[in-house]
């Protein structure tokens, strides 16, 4: 776990009211990352993101 903007856990709502709970990690063994990191639609200025899924659930 890592802290971004002072916390590991963040809760956001998108413009449609959908709630997202986000955990910030430097690494997540056991997960499969999908796609290249992007800064598009990031919750955190200057940070990139990508989807990651549990390898056992995928």
Protein backbone atom coordinates (compact mmCIF):
# COMPACT_ATOMS: atom_id res chain seq x y z
CA UNK A 1 0.00 0.00 0.00
CA UNK A 2 1.12 3.54 -0.68
CA UNK A 3 -0.23 6.92 0.28
CA UNK A 4 -1.42 9.32 -2.39
CA UNK A 5 -2.53 12.77 -1.22
CA UNK A 6 -2.09 11.63 2.40
CA UNK A 7 -4.13 8.41 2.32
CA UNK A 8 -4.12 4.85 0.97
CA UNK A 9 -7.93 4.71 0.62
CA UNK A 10 -10.01 7.22 -1.30
CA UNK A 11 -13.72 7.44 -2.17
CA UNK A 12 -14.88 9.38 -5.23
CA UNK A 13 -18.10 9.86 -7.19
CA UNK A 14 -18.06 10.27 -10.97
CA UNK A 15 -20.33 12.78 -12.77
CA UNK A 16 -23.10 10.12 -12.92
CA UNK A 17 -23.05 9.55 -9.16
CA UNK A 18 -21.31 6.16 -9.32
CA UNK A 19 -19.20 5.73 -6.15
CA UNK A 20 -15.65 4.39 -6.45
CA UNK A 21 -13.49 3.21 -3.56
CA UNK A 22 -9.85 3.25 -4.53
CA UNK A 23 -6.89 1.64 -2.80
CA UNK A 24 -3.41 2.80 -3.84
CA UNK A 25 -0.65 0.23 -4.30
CA UNK A 26 2.90 0.34 -5.67
CA UNK A 27 2.68 -3.38 -6.48
CA UNK A 28 -0.09 -5.97 -6.27
CA UNK A 29 1.23 -9.55 -6.55
CA UNK A 30 -1.50 -11.90 -7.74
CA UNK A 31 -3.12 -9.26 -9.96
CA UNK A 32 -3.11 -9.00 -13.73
CA UNK A 33 -2.83 -5.47 -15.11
CA UNK A 34 -4.80 -4.63 -18.23
CA UNK A 35 -3.70 -1.98 -20.72
CA UNK A 36 -1.00 0.64 -20.62
CA UNK A 37 -0.93 3.16 -17.77
CA UNK A 38 -2.78 6.36 -18.67
CA UNK A 39 -3.26 9.81 -17.19
CA UNK A 40 -6.67 10.14 -18.89
CA UNK A 41 -9.50 10.55 -16.36
CA UNK A 42 -7.10 10.13 -13.44
CA UNK A 43 -8.39 10.80 -9.94
CA UNK A 44 -4.95 12.11 -8.94
CA UNK A 45 -3.20 14.93 -10.83
CA UNK A 46 0.18 13.80 -12.15
CA UNK A 47 -0.54 10.09 -11.58
CA UNK A 48 -1.27 7.38 -14.13
CA UNK A 49 -3.54 4.37 -13.62
CA UNK A 50 -4.71 1.15 -15.24
CA UNK A 51 -7.17 -1.60 -14.45
CA UNK A 52 -5.93 -4.59 -12.47
CA UNK A 53 -7.86 -7.77 -11.83
CA UNK A 54 -7.36 -10.68 -9.46
CA UNK A 55 -5.52 -13.41 -11.38
CA UNK A 56 -7.64 -16.09 -9.65
CA UNK A 57 -10.92 -14.40 -10.56
CA UNK A 58 -9.97 -13.49 -14.12
